[in-house]
N, C-alpha and C. Protein backbone atom coordinates (compact mmCIF):
# COMPACT_ATOMS: atom_id res chain seq x y z
N MET A 1 -63.88 -142.41 48.43
CA MET A 1 -64.82 -140.59 48.95
C MET A 1 -66.18 -141.44 49.30
N ILE A 2 -66.52 -140.22 50.13
CA ILE A 2 -67.60 -140.26 50.94
C ILE A 2 -69.22 -139.95 49.95
N ALA A 3 -69.81 -141.33 49.49
CA ALA A 3 -71.25 -140.55 48.75
C ALA A 3 -72.04 -140.00 48.93
N SER A 4 -72.27 -138.89 48.52
CA SER A 4 -73.24 -137.80 49.52
C SER A 4 -74.96 -139.23 49.28
N PRO A 5 -75.23 -138.62 49.87
CA PRO A 5 -77.09 -139.54 49.69
C PRO A 5 -78.04 -138.85 49.40
N ILE A 6 -77.64 -137.08 48.96
CA ILE A 6 -78.36 -136.59 49.14
C ILE A 6 -78.17 -136.11 47.31
N LYS A 7 -78.99 -135.57 46.45
CA LYS A 7 -79.01 -135.13 45.13
C LYS A 7 -79.01 -134.30 45.17
N HIS A 8 -77.82 -133.21 44.21
CA HIS A 8 -78.47 -131.95 44.36
C HIS A 8 -79.32 -131.88 42.85
N SER A 9 -80.61 -131.30 43.00
CA SER A 9 -81.82 -131.17 41.85
C SER A 9 -81.70 -129.78 41.84
N TYR A 10 -82.01 -129.19 40.36
CA TYR A 10 -82.40 -127.74 40.37
C TYR A 10 -84.02 -127.84 39.94
N ILE A 11 -84.77 -126.62 40.83
CA ILE A 11 -85.87 -126.00 40.39
C ILE A 11 -85.75 -125.08 39.16
N PRO A 12 -86.77 -125.29 38.41
CA PRO A 12 -86.57 -124.39 37.33
C PRO A 12 -87.68 -123.20 37.94
N VAL A 13 -87.24 -122.58 37.63
CA VAL A 13 -88.38 -121.24 37.92
C VAL A 13 -88.18 -120.06 36.74
N SER A 14 -89.28 -119.80 36.86
CA SER A 14 -89.51 -119.11 35.58
C SER A 14 -89.83 -117.97 35.65
N PHE A 15 -89.57 -116.54 35.27
CA PHE A 15 -90.22 -115.52 35.15
C PHE A 15 -90.74 -114.91 33.86
N ASP A 16 -91.93 -114.41 34.17
CA ASP A 16 -92.96 -114.16 33.10
C ASP A 16 -92.40 -112.87 32.52
N ILE A 17 -91.67 -112.59 31.50
CA ILE A 17 -90.92 -111.60 31.12
C ILE A 17 -91.56 -110.70 30.15
N PRO A 18 -92.56 -111.38 29.30
CA PRO A 18 -93.61 -110.68 29.02
C PRO A 18 -94.62 -109.84 29.54
N ALA A 19 -94.87 -110.32 30.26
CA ALA A 19 -95.75 -109.54 31.48
C ALA A 19 -95.12 -108.56 32.47
N TYR A 20 -93.79 -109.08 32.52
CA TYR A 20 -93.08 -108.23 33.68
C TYR A 20 -92.73 -106.83 32.21
N SER A 21 -92.12 -106.98 31.05
CA SER A 21 -92.13 -105.99 30.59
C SER A 21 -93.40 -105.19 30.18
N HIS A 22 -94.34 -106.18 29.96
CA HIS A 22 -95.81 -105.05 30.04
C HIS A 22 -95.78 -104.30 30.54
N GLY A 23 -96.23 -104.61 32.11
CA GLY A 23 -95.87 -103.82 33.06
C GLY A 23 -95.39 -102.38 33.67
N LEU A 24 -93.88 -102.93 33.06
CA LEU A 24 -93.13 -101.84 32.73
C LEU A 24 -93.50 -100.50 31.83
N ALA A 25 -93.92 -101.12 30.58
CA ALA A 25 -94.35 -100.04 29.43
C ALA A 25 -95.58 -99.66 30.06
N ASN A 26 -96.18 -100.28 30.77
CA ASN A 26 -97.31 -99.16 31.60
C ASN A 26 -97.30 -98.23 32.65
N MET A 27 -96.15 -98.44 33.33
CA MET A 27 -95.91 -97.68 34.00
C MET A 27 -94.90 -96.30 33.02
N LYS A 28 -94.49 -96.88 32.10
CA LYS A 28 -93.89 -95.77 31.63
C LYS A 28 -95.13 -94.72 30.70
N ASN A 29 -96.34 -95.06 30.28
CA ASN A 29 -97.06 -94.90 30.02
C ASN A 29 -97.52 -93.88 30.85
N MET A 30 -97.78 -94.35 32.17
CA MET A 30 -98.56 -93.55 33.46
C MET A 30 -97.60 -92.59 33.64
N ILE A 31 -96.34 -92.42 33.28
CA ILE A 31 -95.71 -91.45 33.30
C ILE A 31 -95.25 -90.18 32.65
N LYS A 32 -95.47 -90.69 31.70
CA LYS A 32 -96.13 -90.03 30.34
C LYS A 32 -97.08 -88.64 30.99
N ILE A 33 -98.03 -89.94 30.93
CA ILE A 33 -99.61 -89.14 31.45
C ILE A 33 -99.30 -87.97 32.08
N VAL A 34 -99.05 -87.98 33.69
CA VAL A 34 -99.15 -87.45 34.30
C VAL A 34 -97.82 -86.30 34.19
N LEU A 35 -96.64 -86.64 33.35
CA LEU A 35 -95.57 -85.64 33.10
C LEU A 35 -96.78 -84.16 32.05
N LEU A 36 -97.50 -85.01 30.92
CA LEU A 36 -98.17 -84.14 29.85
C LEU A 36 -99.21 -83.49 31.09
N ALA A 37 -99.81 -84.10 31.76
CA ALA A 37 -100.70 -83.23 32.54
C ALA A 37 -100.75 -82.23 33.52
N ILE A 38 -99.32 -82.62 34.15
CA ILE A 38 -98.53 -81.69 35.03
C ILE A 38 -98.53 -80.27 33.73
N SER A 39 -97.69 -80.16 32.92
CA SER A 39 -96.92 -79.58 31.79
C SER A 39 -98.70 -78.47 31.67
N MET A 40 -99.47 -79.60 31.09
CA MET A 40 -100.70 -78.26 30.45
C MET A 40 -101.36 -77.69 31.97
N VAL A 41 -101.23 -78.17 33.14
CA VAL A 41 -101.73 -77.47 34.41
C VAL A 41 -100.61 -76.29 34.13
N PHE A 42 -99.32 -76.73 34.29
CA PHE A 42 -98.02 -75.44 34.51
C PHE A 42 -98.33 -74.29 33.28
N ALA A 43 -98.67 -74.77 31.49
CA ALA A 43 -98.90 -74.30 30.57
C ALA A 43 -100.10 -72.81 30.98
N GLN A 44 -101.38 -73.65 31.43
CA GLN A 44 -102.23 -72.87 31.18
C GLN A 44 -102.01 -72.12 32.36
N ALA A 45 -101.57 -71.94 33.68
CA ALA A 45 -101.40 -71.21 34.63
C ALA A 45 -100.46 -69.93 34.36
N HIS A 46 -99.61 -70.24 33.16
CA HIS A 46 -98.82 -69.34 32.58
C HIS A 46 -98.88 -68.84 31.62
N ALA A 47 -100.66 -68.77 30.93
CA ALA A 47 -100.85 -68.57 30.22
C ALA A 47 -101.21 -66.64 30.55
N GLY A 48 -100.91 -66.26 29.74
CA GLY A 48 -101.52 -64.84 30.20
C GLY A 48 -102.88 -64.61 30.07
N GLU A 49 -103.38 -63.39 30.31
CA GLU A 49 -104.92 -63.21 30.68
C GLU A 49 -105.42 -62.58 29.47
N ILE A 50 -106.85 -62.58 29.29
CA ILE A 50 -107.54 -62.40 27.86
C ILE A 50 -107.33 -61.16 28.01
N VAL A 51 -107.22 -60.23 26.81
CA VAL A 51 -107.19 -58.70 26.65
C VAL A 51 -108.03 -58.06 25.88
N VAL A 52 -108.84 -57.50 25.67
CA VAL A 52 -109.47 -56.85 24.55
C VAL A 52 -109.04 -55.44 23.99
N ILE A 53 -108.62 -55.91 22.88
CA ILE A 53 -107.96 -54.34 22.17
C ILE A 53 -109.23 -53.93 21.25
N GLY A 54 -108.67 -52.43 20.96
CA GLY A 54 -109.61 -52.00 19.78
C GLY A 54 -108.98 -50.78 19.03
N ASN A 55 -109.66 -50.80 18.21
CA ASN A 55 -108.92 -49.66 17.11
C ASN A 55 -108.96 -48.42 17.78
N SER A 56 -108.00 -47.46 17.53
CA SER A 56 -107.86 -45.97 18.23
C SER A 56 -108.78 -45.60 18.84
N ASN A 57 -110.11 -45.55 17.91
CA ASN A 57 -111.34 -44.40 17.64
C ASN A 57 -112.17 -45.34 19.24
N VAL A 58 -112.25 -46.95 19.41
CA VAL A 58 -113.08 -47.50 20.43
C VAL A 58 -112.94 -46.89 21.93
N PRO A 59 -113.63 -46.39 22.63
CA PRO A 59 -113.71 -46.20 24.36
C PRO A 59 -113.06 -47.64 25.05
N LYS A 60 -112.90 -46.94 26.01
CA LYS A 60 -112.68 -48.53 27.40
C LYS A 60 -113.87 -48.82 27.79
N MET A 61 -114.04 -50.08 28.02
CA MET A 61 -115.46 -50.76 28.28
C MET A 61 -115.16 -51.68 29.56
N ASP A 62 -116.13 -51.80 29.99
CA ASP A 62 -116.43 -53.02 31.14
C ASP A 62 -116.61 -54.53 30.84
N ALA A 63 -116.83 -55.32 31.06
CA ALA A 63 -116.85 -56.69 31.19
C ALA A 63 -117.59 -57.14 30.59
N ALA A 64 -119.06 -56.47 30.73
CA ALA A 64 -120.40 -56.56 30.78
C ALA A 64 -120.71 -55.83 29.55
N THR A 65 -120.23 -54.47 29.17
CA THR A 65 -120.52 -54.03 27.73
C THR A 65 -119.69 -54.35 26.69
N ILE A 66 -118.40 -56.00 26.98
CA ILE A 66 -117.89 -56.53 26.13
C ILE A 66 -119.02 -57.88 25.38
N LYS A 67 -119.58 -58.27 27.17
CA LYS A 67 -120.63 -59.53 26.50
C LYS A 67 -121.17 -58.98 25.60
N LYS A 68 -122.71 -57.69 25.90
CA LYS A 68 -123.13 -57.01 25.14
C LYS A 68 -122.59 -57.01 23.28
N VAL A 69 -121.39 -56.53 23.19
CA VAL A 69 -120.70 -56.28 21.66
C VAL A 69 -120.89 -57.53 21.30
N TYR A 70 -119.98 -59.00 21.75
CA TYR A 70 -120.14 -60.16 21.39
C TYR A 70 -121.16 -61.08 21.28
N THR A 71 -122.81 -60.95 21.79
CA THR A 71 -123.50 -61.58 21.57
C THR A 71 -124.38 -60.52 20.65
N GLY A 72 -124.28 -59.56 20.41
CA GLY A 72 -124.80 -58.94 19.20
C GLY A 72 -125.92 -57.88 19.69
N LYS A 73 -125.90 -57.52 21.30
CA LYS A 73 -127.06 -57.16 21.95
C LYS A 73 -126.70 -55.15 22.04
N ALA A 74 -125.09 -54.63 21.57
CA ALA A 74 -124.76 -53.35 21.72
C ALA A 74 -124.05 -53.82 20.03
N ILE A 75 -124.08 -52.37 19.69
CA ILE A 75 -123.77 -52.35 18.11
C ILE A 75 -122.84 -51.23 18.33
N SER A 76 -123.12 -50.47 19.62
CA SER A 76 -122.21 -48.88 19.37
C SER A 76 -122.07 -48.83 20.72
N VAL A 77 -120.61 -48.29 21.01
CA VAL A 77 -120.24 -47.91 22.51
C VAL A 77 -120.23 -46.72 22.68
N SER A 78 -120.47 -45.47 23.66
CA SER A 78 -120.06 -44.58 23.62
C SER A 78 -120.00 -43.51 21.89
N GLY A 79 -121.14 -43.56 21.51
CA GLY A 79 -121.54 -43.68 19.63
C GLY A 79 -120.53 -43.90 18.35
N VAL A 80 -119.62 -44.70 18.90
CA VAL A 80 -118.51 -45.64 18.00
C VAL A 80 -118.98 -46.69 17.90
N ASN A 81 -119.64 -47.03 16.63
CA ASN A 81 -120.06 -48.54 15.16
C ASN A 81 -119.19 -48.91 16.10
N VAL A 82 -118.96 -50.68 16.61
CA VAL A 82 -118.26 -51.40 16.93
C VAL A 82 -118.17 -52.76 16.53
N THR A 83 -117.30 -53.36 15.99
CA THR A 83 -117.28 -54.70 15.58
C THR A 83 -116.09 -55.30 15.80
N PRO A 84 -117.10 -56.42 16.82
CA PRO A 84 -116.54 -57.88 17.35
C PRO A 84 -115.65 -58.53 15.95
N ILE A 85 -114.45 -59.03 16.66
CA ILE A 85 -114.04 -59.72 15.71
C ILE A 85 -113.24 -61.29 16.56
N GLY A 86 -113.08 -62.18 16.59
CA GLY A 86 -112.19 -63.25 17.53
C GLY A 86 -111.51 -64.52 16.38
N PHE A 87 -111.23 -65.34 17.43
CA PHE A 87 -110.53 -66.56 16.66
C PHE A 87 -111.62 -67.34 16.52
N LYS A 88 -111.19 -68.53 15.70
CA LYS A 88 -111.91 -69.56 15.16
C LYS A 88 -112.25 -70.51 16.23
N SER A 89 -112.84 -71.24 16.00
CA SER A 89 -113.43 -72.21 17.31
C SER A 89 -112.44 -73.31 16.92
N GLY A 90 -112.02 -73.96 18.50
CA GLY A 90 -111.21 -75.10 18.83
C GLY A 90 -109.72 -74.15 19.24
N THR A 91 -109.45 -72.80 19.07
CA THR A 91 -108.42 -72.49 19.91
C THR A 91 -108.74 -71.79 21.57
N THR A 92 -107.57 -71.95 22.15
CA THR A 92 -107.25 -72.21 23.69
C THR A 92 -108.10 -70.68 24.30
N VAL A 93 -107.41 -69.38 23.25
CA VAL A 93 -107.45 -68.19 23.64
C VAL A 93 -109.12 -67.78 23.72
N ARG A 94 -109.69 -68.50 22.06
CA ARG A 94 -111.14 -68.53 22.45
C ARG A 94 -111.82 -68.99 23.27
N ASP A 95 -111.30 -69.97 23.61
CA ASP A 95 -112.11 -70.90 24.61
C ASP A 95 -112.18 -70.15 26.31
N ARG A 96 -111.20 -69.58 26.41
CA ARG A 96 -111.03 -68.50 27.84
C ARG A 96 -111.22 -67.92 27.64
N PHE A 97 -111.49 -66.75 26.48
CA PHE A 97 -112.31 -65.69 26.12
C PHE A 97 -113.83 -65.52 26.68
N LEU A 98 -114.76 -66.90 25.55
CA LEU A 98 -116.02 -67.05 26.18
C LEU A 98 -115.93 -67.40 27.72
N GLN A 99 -114.95 -68.34 28.26
CA GLN A 99 -115.12 -68.35 29.69
C GLN A 99 -115.10 -67.36 30.28
N GLU A 100 -114.16 -66.55 30.30
CA GLU A 100 -113.75 -65.33 31.30
C GLU A 100 -115.27 -63.70 30.77
N PHE A 101 -115.17 -64.13 29.59
CA PHE A 101 -116.32 -62.56 29.48
C PHE A 101 -117.66 -63.12 29.44
N LEU A 102 -117.78 -64.36 28.68
CA LEU A 102 -119.21 -64.41 27.93
C LEU A 102 -120.15 -65.76 28.93
N HIS A 103 -119.56 -66.44 29.74
CA HIS A 103 -119.32 -67.21 30.39
C HIS A 103 -120.27 -68.15 29.60
N GLN A 104 -119.92 -68.69 28.84
CA GLN A 104 -120.21 -69.38 27.87
C GLN A 104 -119.37 -70.99 27.45
N ASN A 105 -119.34 -71.77 26.62
CA ASN A 105 -118.49 -72.49 25.93
C ASN A 105 -118.72 -72.66 24.76
N GLU A 106 -117.98 -73.49 23.64
CA GLU A 106 -118.15 -73.33 22.61
C GLU A 106 -119.52 -73.62 22.12
N ASP A 107 -120.09 -74.68 22.53
CA ASP A 107 -121.32 -75.14 21.90
C ASP A 107 -122.53 -74.10 22.68
N LYS A 108 -122.60 -73.81 23.62
CA LYS A 108 -123.46 -72.55 23.93
C LYS A 108 -123.41 -71.51 22.78
N TYR A 109 -121.92 -71.12 22.55
CA TYR A 109 -122.15 -69.79 22.06
C TYR A 109 -122.35 -70.36 20.44
N THR A 110 -121.84 -71.14 19.92
CA THR A 110 -122.53 -71.46 18.87
C THR A 110 -123.80 -71.69 18.67
N ALA A 111 -124.79 -71.93 19.41
CA ALA A 111 -125.88 -72.28 19.10
C ALA A 111 -126.50 -70.86 19.54
N TYR A 112 -125.42 -70.14 20.13
CA TYR A 112 -126.48 -68.80 20.36
C TYR A 112 -126.72 -67.79 19.45
N TRP A 113 -125.41 -68.09 19.16
CA TRP A 113 -125.23 -67.52 17.00
C TRP A 113 -126.26 -68.19 16.08
N THR A 114 -126.31 -69.30 15.87
CA THR A 114 -127.36 -70.25 15.14
C THR A 114 -128.85 -69.93 15.11
N VAL A 115 -129.01 -69.96 16.08
CA VAL A 115 -130.40 -69.03 16.50
C VAL A 115 -130.52 -67.88 16.24
N ARG A 116 -129.76 -66.75 16.86
CA ARG A 116 -129.76 -65.34 16.60
C ARG A 116 -129.74 -65.25 14.74
N ARG A 117 -128.53 -65.71 14.00
CA ARG A 117 -128.91 -65.59 12.78
C ARG A 117 -130.38 -66.21 12.00
N TYR A 118 -130.64 -67.34 12.73
CA TYR A 118 -132.22 -68.01 11.96
C TYR A 118 -133.30 -66.95 12.07
N ILE A 119 -133.21 -66.31 13.64
CA ILE A 119 -134.22 -65.40 13.41
C ILE A 119 -134.11 -63.59 12.65
N GLY A 120 -132.85 -63.87 12.43
CA GLY A 120 -132.89 -62.45 11.61
C GLY A 120 -131.77 -61.40 12.86
N LYS A 121 -131.36 -62.26 13.90
CA LYS A 121 -131.01 -60.66 14.44
C LYS A 121 -129.25 -60.42 14.60
N GLY A 122 -129.22 -60.17 13.61
CA GLY A 122 -127.31 -60.37 13.45
C GLY A 122 -126.76 -61.66 13.00
N THR A 123 -126.11 -61.21 13.07
CA THR A 123 -124.99 -62.92 12.57
C THR A 123 -122.94 -62.63 13.07
N PRO A 124 -122.58 -63.80 13.49
CA PRO A 124 -121.33 -63.63 14.57
C PRO A 124 -120.29 -62.94 14.13
N PRO A 125 -119.51 -62.43 15.37
CA PRO A 125 -118.30 -61.84 14.89
C PRO A 125 -117.35 -62.68 13.95
N LEU A 126 -117.07 -61.64 13.32
CA LEU A 126 -115.80 -62.49 12.28
C LEU A 126 -115.02 -63.39 13.07
N GLU A 127 -114.44 -64.56 12.28
CA GLU A 127 -113.44 -65.57 13.15
C GLU A 127 -112.57 -65.38 12.10
N LEU A 128 -111.41 -64.90 13.12
CA LEU A 128 -109.62 -64.82 12.15
C LEU A 128 -108.40 -65.88 12.82
N SER A 129 -108.05 -66.36 12.20
CA SER A 129 -106.84 -67.29 13.17
C SER A 129 -105.79 -67.40 13.78
N SER A 130 -104.97 -66.08 13.76
CA SER A 130 -103.98 -65.93 14.49
C SER A 130 -104.22 -64.28 15.48
N ALA A 131 -103.43 -64.39 16.44
CA ALA A 131 -103.58 -62.89 16.39
C ALA A 131 -102.97 -61.72 16.16
N GLU A 132 -101.85 -62.48 14.92
CA GLU A 132 -101.33 -61.35 13.59
C GLU A 132 -102.83 -60.74 12.95
N GLU A 133 -103.99 -61.57 12.62
CA GLU A 133 -104.38 -60.84 11.95
C GLU A 133 -105.61 -60.43 12.83
N ILE A 134 -105.56 -60.73 13.69
CA ILE A 134 -106.46 -59.70 14.87
C ILE A 134 -106.11 -58.57 14.54
N ILE A 135 -104.76 -58.70 14.95
CA ILE A 135 -103.93 -57.36 15.08
C ILE A 135 -104.30 -56.24 14.44
N GLY A 136 -103.53 -57.06 12.99
CA GLY A 136 -103.82 -56.12 11.65
C GLY A 136 -105.10 -55.35 11.27
N TYR A 137 -106.49 -56.52 11.80
CA TYR A 137 -107.69 -56.05 11.03
C TYR A 137 -107.96 -54.81 12.17
N ILE A 138 -107.39 -54.95 13.80
CA ILE A 138 -108.07 -53.34 14.16
C ILE A 138 -107.48 -52.69 13.96
N LYS A 139 -106.06 -52.68 13.50
CA LYS A 139 -105.53 -51.80 13.44
C LYS A 139 -106.18 -50.71 12.12
N VAL A 140 -106.66 -51.74 11.33
CA VAL A 140 -106.83 -50.78 10.01
C VAL A 140 -108.45 -50.56 9.80
N THR A 141 -109.71 -51.27 10.81
CA THR A 141 -110.65 -51.49 11.00
C THR A 141 -111.20 -50.35 11.81
N PRO A 142 -111.37 -48.74 11.39
CA PRO A 142 -112.50 -48.58 12.81
C PRO A 142 -113.61 -48.75 13.37
N GLY A 143 -113.73 -48.50 14.76
CA GLY A 143 -114.20 -49.62 15.87
C GLY A 143 -114.36 -51.43 15.76
N ALA A 144 -113.04 -51.56 15.55
CA ALA A 144 -112.92 -52.75 15.81
C ALA A 144 -112.51 -53.23 16.89
N VAL A 145 -113.02 -54.31 17.37
CA VAL A 145 -112.82 -54.80 18.65
C VAL A 145 -112.33 -56.82 18.88
N GLY A 146 -111.24 -56.68 19.63
CA GLY A 146 -110.77 -57.80 19.54
C GLY A 146 -110.07 -58.49 21.03
N TYR A 147 -109.79 -59.90 20.81
CA TYR A 147 -109.54 -60.06 22.34
C TYR A 147 -108.02 -61.24 21.68
N ILE A 148 -107.16 -60.99 22.55
CA ILE A 148 -106.08 -61.63 22.32
C ILE A 148 -105.38 -61.93 23.31
N ASP A 149 -104.60 -62.95 23.44
CA ASP A 149 -103.73 -63.26 24.81
C ASP A 149 -102.79 -62.05 25.32
N GLU A 150 -102.41 -61.83 26.74
CA GLU A 150 -101.69 -60.96 26.93
C GLU A 150 -100.68 -60.59 26.10
N ALA A 151 -99.89 -61.31 26.58
CA ALA A 151 -98.45 -61.83 25.85
C ALA A 151 -98.18 -61.35 24.22
N GLU A 152 -99.61 -61.14 23.63
CA GLU A 152 -99.10 -60.67 22.40
C GLU A 152 -99.62 -59.15 22.36
N LEU A 153 -99.37 -58.64 23.30
CA LEU A 153 -99.85 -57.14 23.35
C LEU A 153 -98.28 -56.19 22.98
N SER A 154 -98.61 -55.82 22.54
CA SER A 154 -96.83 -54.41 22.16
C SER A 154 -97.47 -53.47 22.13
N GLN A 155 -96.76 -52.55 22.41
CA GLN A 155 -96.85 -51.10 22.56
C GLN A 155 -97.75 -50.34 21.69
N GLY A 156 -98.29 -49.43 22.17
CA GLY A 156 -99.05 -48.77 21.30
C GLY A 156 -100.71 -48.94 21.02
N MET A 157 -100.89 -50.51 21.61
CA MET A 157 -102.23 -51.01 21.60
C MET A 157 -103.17 -50.21 22.48
N ASN A 158 -104.09 -50.23 22.06
CA ASN A 158 -105.58 -49.71 22.33
C ASN A 158 -106.31 -50.48 23.58
N VAL A 159 -105.82 -50.57 24.82
CA VAL A 159 -106.77 -51.76 25.49
C VAL A 159 -107.76 -51.39 25.71
N VAL A 160 -108.97 -51.84 25.25
CA VAL A 160 -110.30 -51.58 25.80
C VAL A 160 -110.76 -52.25 27.54
N VAL A 161 -110.46 -53.46 27.13
CA VAL A 161 -110.50 -54.11 28.93
C VAL A 161 -109.28 -55.14 29.11
N ARG A 162 -109.34 -55.26 30.59
CA ARG A 162 -108.22 -56.85 30.65
C ARG A 162 -109.32 -57.71 31.35
């Protein structure tokens, strides 16, 4: 046998497994965040429009009149005393209503009513927790006006404005 002058040596190679795992975890989290953002955009895009409904005695209105009703500047429309109601703060439907009809955000709307109440110019609209409560209140209260998501509409409701 001929002796080989080359010795075989092994070079230890280390992989930083914890760092690799951490990178993979970050990528998984990033994917989750992206998917969540996409689903939120998709859900918002497919949310129905906001509709304002009223008791059967409430006449049709335009967006400018709705703004006056919800800011306390109009208490009757076409001879009918109106009572605005809405969702409690923090709901998506309320946020969309404030943006679309009043061109305000929650903070501005709350501040507006804080000042009006303080100077004796009225109280903010009654706030309820769900579309079912709003619909039920409107059905039994003459002059009641409220907003809901279009998906909550059912046959026979008096749509005041879309």
